[in-house]
Amino acid sequence: MPLWHLSNILKMKNHLLFVYQYLRKVLPIIYLYFNKTTLVLFVKPENLFLVLFFLKKHTQTQYSILTCISGVDYPFRTRRFEIIYELLSIKFNSRIRVITFIDEMTVVTSIYKIFSGSTWWEREVWDLFGIFFDNNQSLKRILTDYGFEGHPLRKDFPLSGYVESRYDEEIKRVICEPIEHAQEYRMFDFKTGWKS
C-alpha cells in the first residue's frame, strides 16, 4: 500500500476520533460508536434536525453531503422504525451515520432546509415504510402506483400484496382484482432463521 494512502487513512481516523470526543460533549446524542471507518450516532427524533444542522455547518465536521436516507422495520420493538441518514465530509474524507428510532405515530421533521436533496429520499421512505415527514413539500408516492394500498417494505405487508393485476382477453385491457389471503399477516421468529 502506498505511503500517501496510509497517511490519508491515519488523518481520517484521527479526525474521526476528534469528532467522536467532541460530539459526545456538545450534542444531545443517546449513543455513539465506530463501525470500521464510520462513526455511528443514535439521536432522539426531536433532536435530529439540530444534530444534522450541526454536522453540516460546524467547521470541525463539515458533513456537507447527504448520501442516503433509508429505513428499517423491526416490528417487535416499541419504536419499530429506524431511519438512517448517511453523511459525507469531502474536506475531512470521512463518513458519519445518524440513526433515530420512531414508532408508527411519530412524525419526523423533514431536513430539506439543511439538505435540499433529501426530499427525494424522504418520499421513498414514506412510500415504502409509511413514515411521515413533516414540512416535506412533495410527500407523495414515488416507487409505487398512486392507488397502491399499504407500504411494501413493512414486515407485516403480505408477500403477494392486496391486489393482483392481469390481462383480460375479453375486455382487452389490464384489470386489478383483490386477493384473498389465507393468513392476515406474516409472523416472524427472530430467534433463528432456520426451521428444525
C-alpha atoms as a PDB file:
ATOM      1  CA  MET A   1       0.000   0.000   0.000  1.00  0.00           C
ATOM      2  CA  PRO A   2       1.451   3.428  -0.921  1.00  0.00           C
ATOM      3  CA  LEU A   3       2.701   5.606   1.906  1.00  0.00           C
ATOM      4  CA  TRP A   4       0.466   8.559   0.983  1.00  0.00           C
ATOM      5  CA  HIS A   5      -2.578   6.276   1.207  1.00  0.00           C
ATOM      6  CA  LEU A   6      -1.616   5.158   4.723  1.00  0.00           C
ATOM      7  CA  SER A   7      -1.135   8.767   5.821  1.00  0.00           C
ATOM      8  CA  ASN A   8      -4.620   9.655   4.476  1.00  0.00           C
ATOM      9  CA  ILE A   9      -6.149   6.773   6.439  1.00  0.00           C
ATOM     10  CA  LEU A  10      -4.369   7.903   9.614  1.00  0.00           C
ATOM     11  CA  LYS A  11      -5.590  11.501   9.108  1.00  0.00           C
ATOM     12  CA  MET A  12      -9.152  10.246   8.610  1.00  0.00           C
ATOM     13  CA  LYS A  13      -9.027   8.081  11.757  1.00  0.00           C
ATOM     14  CA  ASN A  14      -7.530  10.931  13.800  1.00  0.00           C
ATOM     15  CA  HIS A  15     -10.253  13.261  12.577  1.00  0.00           C
ATOM     16  CA  LEU A  16     -12.973  10.723  13.413  1.00  0.00           C
ATOM     17  CA  LEU A  17     -11.512  10.248  16.883  1.00  0.00           C
ATOM     18  CA  PHE A  18     -11.527  14.014  17.416  1.00  0.00           C
ATOM     19  CA  VAL A  19     -15.135  14.236  16.138  1.00  0.00           C
ATOM     20  CA  TYR A  20     -16.131  11.332  18.392  1.00  0.00           C
ATOM     21  CA  GLN A  21     -14.768  13.021  21.520  1.00  0.00           C
ATOM     22  CA  TYR A  22     -16.084  16.443  20.534  1.00  0.00           C
ATOM     23  CA  LEU A  23     -19.630  15.338  19.643  1.00  0.00           C
ATOM     24  CA  ARG A  24     -20.035  13.451  22.933  1.00  0.00           C
ATOM     25  CA  LYS A  25     -19.612  16.751  24.786  1.00  0.00           C
ATOM     26  CA  VAL A  26     -21.582  19.083  22.520  1.00  0.00           C
ATOM     27  CA  LEU A  27     -24.613  17.306  21.025  1.00  0.00           C
ATOM     28  CA  PRO A  28     -27.662  15.590  22.562  1.00  0.00           C
ATOM     29  CA  ILE A  29     -26.656  12.096  21.443  1.00  0.00           C
ATOM     30  CA  ILE A  30     -28.019   8.924  23.030  1.00  0.00           C
ATOM     31  CA  TYR A  31     -25.161   6.657  21.980  1.00  0.00           C
ATOM     32  CA  LEU A  32     -22.270   6.652  19.515  1.00  0.00           C
ATOM     33  CA  TYR A  33     -19.706   4.107  18.330  1.00  0.00           C
ATOM     34  CA  PHE A  34     -17.336   3.276  15.458  1.00  0.00           C
ATOM     35  CA  ASN A  35     -18.306   0.838  12.714  1.00  0.00           C
ATOM     36  CA  LYS A  36     -14.988   0.261  10.894  1.00  0.00           C
ATOM     37  CA  THR A  37     -14.269   3.764   9.499  1.00  0.00           C
ATOM     38  CA  THR A  38     -17.757   5.194  10.016  1.00  0.00           C
ATOM     39  CA  LEU A  39     -18.920   6.981  13.128  1.00  0.00           C
ATOM     40  CA  VAL A  40     -22.495   5.983  14.087  1.00  0.00           C
ATOM     41  CA  LEU A  41     -24.709   8.302  16.186  1.00  0.00           C
ATOM     42  CA  PHE A  42     -28.066   7.490  17.773  1.00  0.00           C
ATOM     43  CA  VAL A  43     -30.306  10.507  18.415  1.00  0.00           C
ATOM     44  CA  LYS A  44     -33.878  11.144  19.502  1.00  0.00           C
ATOM     45  CA  PRO A  45     -36.258  12.215  16.707  1.00  0.00           C
ATOM     46  CA  GLU A  46     -36.787  15.625  18.301  1.00  0.00           C
ATOM     47  CA  ASN A  47     -33.004  16.292  18.236  1.00  0.00           C
ATOM     48  CA  LEU A  48     -32.431  15.011  14.698  1.00  0.00           C
ATOM     49  CA  PHE A  49     -32.736  18.374  12.910  1.00  0.00           C
ATOM     50  CA  LEU A  50     -30.333  20.068  15.340  1.00  0.00           C
ATOM     51  CA  VAL A  51     -27.727  17.290  15.081  1.00  0.00           C
ATOM     52  CA  LEU A  52     -27.802  17.201  11.267  1.00  0.00           C
ATOM     53  CA  PHE A  53     -27.610  21.005  11.065  1.00  0.00           C
ATOM     54  CA  PHE A  54     -24.611  20.993  13.408  1.00  0.00           C
ATOM     55  CA  LEU A  55     -22.838  18.230  11.479  1.00  0.00           C
ATOM     56  CA  LYS A  56     -23.205  20.124   8.207  1.00  0.00           C
ATOM     57  CA  LYS A  57     -22.332  23.648   9.374  1.00  0.00           C
ATOM     58  CA  HIS A  58     -19.678  23.202  12.054  1.00  0.00           C
ATOM     59  CA  THR A  59     -16.107  23.869  10.894  1.00  0.00           C
ATOM     60  CA  GLN A  60     -14.735  20.718  12.559  1.00  0.00           C
ATOM     61  CA  THR A  61     -17.266  18.366  10.934  1.00  0.00           C
ATOM     62  CA  GLN A  62     -18.468  19.796   7.573  1.00  0.00           C
ATOM     63  CA  TYR A  63     -20.581  16.778   6.594  1.00  0.00           C
ATOM     64  CA  SER A  64     -21.987  18.715   3.663  1.00  0.00           C
ATOM     65  CA  ILE A  65     -23.254  15.830   1.510  1.00  0.00           C
ATOM     66  CA  LEU A  66     -26.246  13.670   2.335  1.00  0.00           C
ATOM     67  CA  THR A  67     -25.615  10.398   0.515  1.00  0.00           C
ATOM     68  CA  CYS A  68     -28.653   8.386   1.623  1.00  0.00           C
ATOM     69  CA  ILE A  69     -31.738   8.190   3.827  1.00  0.00           C
ATOM     70  CA  SER A  70     -33.067   4.698   4.451  1.00  0.00           C
ATOM     71  CA  GLY A  71     -35.447   2.912   6.765  1.00  0.00           C
ATOM     72  CA  VAL A  72     -35.590  -0.414   8.570  1.00  0.00           C
ATOM     73  CA  ASP A  73     -38.626  -2.097  10.148  1.00  0.00           C
ATOM     74  CA  TYR A  74     -38.312  -4.035  13.408  1.00  0.00           C
ATOM     75  CA  PRO A  75     -41.930  -4.993  14.241  1.00  0.00           C
ATOM     76  CA  PHE A  76     -41.094  -6.492  17.653  1.00  0.00           C
ATOM     77  CA  ARG A  77     -39.779  -3.157  19.016  1.00  0.00           C
ATOM     78  CA  THR A  78     -41.962  -0.455  20.554  1.00  0.00           C
ATOM     79  CA  ARG A  79     -40.176   2.089  18.342  1.00  0.00           C
ATOM     80  CA  ARG A  80     -40.482  -0.074  15.305  1.00  0.00           C
ATOM     81  CA  PHE A  81     -38.830   2.026  12.593  1.00  0.00           C
ATOM     82  CA  GLU A  82     -35.207   3.037  12.290  1.00  0.00           C
ATOM     83  CA  ILE A  83     -34.334   5.956   9.999  1.00  0.00           C
ATOM     84  CA  ILE A  84     -30.715   6.142   8.887  1.00  0.00           C
ATOM     85  CA  TYR A  85     -29.005   9.249   7.484  1.00  0.00           C
ATOM     86  CA  GLU A  86     -25.628   8.773   5.770  1.00  0.00           C
ATOM     87  CA  LEU A  87     -23.412  11.875   5.552  1.00  0.00           C
ATOM     88  CA  LEU A  88     -20.087  12.540   3.835  1.00  0.00           C
ATOM     89  CA  SER A  89     -17.437  15.161   4.565  1.00  0.00           C
ATOM     90  CA  ILE A  90     -15.340  15.885   1.478  1.00  0.00           C
ATOM     91  CA  LYS A  91     -12.949  18.134   3.384  1.00  0.00           C
ATOM     92  CA  PHE A  92     -12.105  15.511   6.023  1.00  0.00           C
ATOM     93  CA  ASN A  93     -12.703  12.449   3.826  1.00  0.00           C
ATOM     94  CA  SER A  94     -14.964  10.782   6.378  1.00  0.00           C
ATOM     95  CA  ARG A  95     -18.468   9.404   6.713  1.00  0.00           C
ATOM     96  CA  ILE A  96     -20.950   9.508   9.542  1.00  0.00           C
ATOM     97  CA  ARG A  97     -24.234   7.671  10.092  1.00  0.00           C
ATOM     98  CA  VAL A  98     -27.056   9.231  12.133  1.00  0.00           C
ATOM     99  CA  ILE A  99     -29.823   6.877  13.311  1.00  0.00           C
ATOM    100  CA  THR A 100     -33.114   7.643  15.003  1.00  0.00           C
ATOM    101  CA  PHE A 101     -35.944   5.355  16.173  1.00  0.00           C
ATOM    102  CA  ILE A 102     -39.664   6.104  15.864  1.00  0.00           C
ATOM    103  CA  ASP A 103     -43.000   4.330  16.224  1.00  0.00           C
ATOM    104  CA  GLU A 104     -45.860   4.309  13.713  1.00  0.00           C
ATOM    105  CA  MET A 105     -47.432   7.515  15.037  1.00  0.00           C
ATOM    106  CA  THR A 106     -44.306   9.683  15.361  1.00  0.00           C
ATOM    107  CA  VAL A 107     -43.759  12.358  12.725  1.00  0.00           C
ATOM    108  CA  VAL A 108     -40.181  13.145  11.695  1.00  0.00           C
ATOM    109  CA  THR A 109     -39.186  16.689  10.728  1.00  0.00           C
ATOM    110  CA  SER A 110     -38.050  16.961   7.131  1.00  0.00           C
ATOM    111  CA  ILE A 111     -34.448  18.067   6.676  1.00  0.00           C
ATOM    112  CA  TYR A 112     -34.878  19.658   3.239  1.00  0.00           C
ATOM    113  CA  LYS A 113     -33.881  23.052   4.726  1.00  0.00           C
ATOM    114  CA  ILE A 114     -30.474  21.566   5.566  1.00  0.00           C
ATOM    115  CA  PHE A 115     -30.057  19.179   2.613  1.00  0.00           C
ATOM    116  CA  SER A 116     -32.266  20.174  -0.315  1.00  0.00           C
ATOM    117  CA  GLY A 117     -31.859  16.761  -1.983  1.00  0.00           C
ATOM    118  CA  SER A 118     -33.409  14.967   0.993  1.00  0.00           C
ATOM    119  CA  THR A 119     -36.976  15.327  -0.302  1.00  0.00           C
ATOM    120  CA  TRP A 120     -36.457  12.517  -2.809  1.00  0.00           C
ATOM    121  CA  TRP A 121     -35.263  10.028  -0.168  1.00  0.00           C
ATOM    122  CA  GLU A 122     -37.935  11.127   2.305  1.00  0.00           C
ATOM    123  CA  ARG A 123     -40.549  10.396  -0.347  1.00  0.00           C
ATOM    124  CA  GLU A 124     -39.075   6.907  -0.841  1.00  0.00           C
ATOM    125  CA  VAL A 125     -39.082   6.174   2.895  1.00  0.00           C
ATOM    126  CA  TRP A 126     -42.656   7.434   3.206  1.00  0.00           C
ATOM    127  CA  ASP A 127     -43.807   5.380   0.219  1.00  0.00           C
ATOM    128  CA  LEU A 128     -42.139   2.131   1.286  1.00  0.00           C
ATOM    129  CA  PHE A 129     -42.471   2.337   5.105  1.00  0.00           C
ATOM    130  CA  GLY A 130     -45.262   4.845   5.788  1.00  0.00           C
ATOM    131  CA  ILE A 131     -43.037   7.149   7.879  1.00  0.00           C
ATOM    132  CA  PHE A 132     -44.416  10.679   7.631  1.00  0.00           C
ATOM    133  CA  PHE A 133     -42.030  13.632   7.223  1.00  0.00           C
ATOM    134  CA  ASP A 134     -43.401  16.956   8.451  1.00  0.00           C
ATOM    135  CA  ASN A 135     -42.797  20.005   6.197  1.00  0.00           C
ATOM    136  CA  ASN A 136     -41.859  17.918   3.152  1.00  0.00           C
ATOM    137  CA  GLN A 137     -43.376  19.906   0.271  1.00  0.00           C
ATOM    138  CA  SER A 138     -43.962  16.944  -2.072  1.00  0.00           C
ATOM    139  CA  LEU A 139     -44.699  13.896   0.078  1.00  0.00           C
ATOM    140  CA  LYS A 140     -46.352  11.572  -2.450  1.00  0.00           C
ATOM    141  CA  ARG A 141     -45.802   8.106  -3.839  1.00  0.00           C
ATOM    142  CA  ILE A 142     -42.606   7.725  -5.810  1.00  0.00           C
ATOM    143  CA  LEU A 143     -41.992   3.979  -6.330  1.00  0.00           C
ATOM    144  CA  THR A 144     -45.499   2.525  -6.111  1.00  0.00           C
ATOM    145  CA  ASP A 145     -48.635   3.413  -8.041  1.00  0.00           C
ATOM    146  CA  TYR A 146     -50.948   6.189  -6.786  1.00  0.00           C
ATOM    147  CA  GLY A 147     -53.726   3.742  -5.963  1.00  0.00           C
ATOM    148  CA  PHE A 148     -51.387   1.368  -4.120  1.00  0.00           C
ATOM    149  CA  GLU A 149     -52.565   0.273  -0.658  1.00  0.00           C
ATOM    150  CA  GLY A 150     -50.089  -0.087   2.185  1.00  0.00           C
ATOM    151  CA  HIS A 151     -46.329   0.237   2.399  1.00  0.00           C
ATOM    152  CA  PRO A 152     -44.434  -2.721   0.876  1.00  0.00           C
ATOM    153  CA  LEU A 153     -41.245  -2.730   2.994  1.00  0.00           C
ATOM    154  CA  ARG A 154     -43.105  -3.104   6.281  1.00  0.00           C
ATOM    155  CA  LYS A 155     -42.679  -6.593   7.679  1.00  0.00           C
ATOM    156  CA  ASP A 156     -46.435  -7.014   8.144  1.00  0.00           C
ATOM    157  CA  PHE A 157     -47.169  -6.323   4.463  1.00  0.00           C
ATOM    158  CA  PRO A 158     -48.387  -9.502   2.672  1.00  0.00           C
ATOM    159  CA  LEU A 159     -45.892 -11.022   0.225  1.00  0.00           C
ATOM    160  CA  SER A 160     -48.435 -11.070  -2.592  1.00  0.00           C
ATOM    161  CA  GLY A 161     -49.836  -7.597  -1.866  1.00  0.00           C
ATOM    162  CA  TYR A 162     -53.521  -6.729  -1.743  1.00  0.00           C
ATOM    163  CA  VAL A 163     -54.377  -6.718  -5.459  1.00  0.00           C
ATOM    164  CA  GLU A 164     -53.433  -8.792  -8.472  1.00  0.00           C
ATOM    165  CA  SER A 165     -53.025  -7.367 -11.994  1.00  0.00           C
ATOM    166  CA  ARG A 166     -53.708  -9.471 -15.057  1.00  0.00           C
ATOM    167  CA  TYR A 167     -54.601  -9.009 -18.708  1.00  0.00           C
ATOM    168  CA  ASP A 168     -58.235  -9.837 -19.532  1.00  0.00           C
ATOM    169  CA  GLU A 169     -58.711 -11.208 -23.060  1.00  0.00           C
ATOM    170  CA  GLU A 170     -62.429 -10.398 -23.187  1.00  0.00           C
ATOM    171  CA  ILE A 171     -62.186  -6.677 -22.472  1.00  0.00           C
ATOM    172  CA  LYS A 172     -58.642  -6.362 -23.921  1.00  0.00           C
ATOM    173  CA  ARG A 173     -57.034  -4.479 -21.024  1.00  0.00           C
ATOM    174  CA  VAL A 174     -55.240  -4.965 -17.723  1.00  0.00           C
ATOM    175  CA  ILE A 175     -57.506  -5.321 -14.681  1.00  0.00           C
ATOM    176  CA  CYS A 176     -56.745  -5.316 -10.970  1.00  0.00           C
ATOM    177  CA  GLU A 177     -58.559  -7.723  -8.651  1.00  0.00           C
ATOM    178  CA  PRO A 178     -58.354  -8.008  -4.857  1.00  0.00           C
ATOM    179  CA  ILE A 179     -56.557 -11.042  -3.435  1.00  0.00           C
ATOM    180  CA  GLU A 180     -57.924 -13.140  -0.599  1.00  0.00           C
ATOM    181  CA  HIS A 181     -55.245 -14.022   1.943  1.00  0.00           C
ATOM    182  CA  ALA A 182     -55.196 -17.280   3.870  1.00  0.00           C
ATOM    183  CA  GLN A 183     -53.436 -15.520   6.744  1.00  0.00           C
ATOM    184  CA  GLU A 184     -53.692 -11.862   7.575  1.00  0.00           C
ATOM    185  CA  TYR A 185     -50.032 -11.107   8.370  1.00  0.00           C
ATOM    186  CA  ARG A 186     -46.682 -12.825   8.233  1.00  0.00           C
ATOM    187  CA  MET A 187     -45.341 -13.894  11.599  1.00  0.00           C
ATOM    188  CA  PHE A 188     -41.624 -13.737  12.324  1.00  0.00           C
ATOM    189  CA  ASP A 189     -39.494 -15.676  14.768  1.00  0.00           C
ATOM    190  CA  PHE A 190     -36.397 -13.543  15.152  1.00  0.00           C
ATOM    191  CA  LYS A 191     -34.562 -16.086  17.300  1.00  0.00           C
ATOM    192  CA  THR A 192     -33.435 -18.216  14.375  1.00  0.00           C
ATOM    193  CA  GLY A 193     -33.717 -18.145  10.612  1.00  0.00           C
ATOM    194  CA  TRP A 194     -33.799 -21.925  10.267  1.00  0.00           C
ATOM    195  CA  LYS A 195     -36.594 -24.358  10.979  1.00  0.00           C
ATOM    196  CA  SER A 196     -35.627 -27.561  12.739  1.00  0.00           C
END
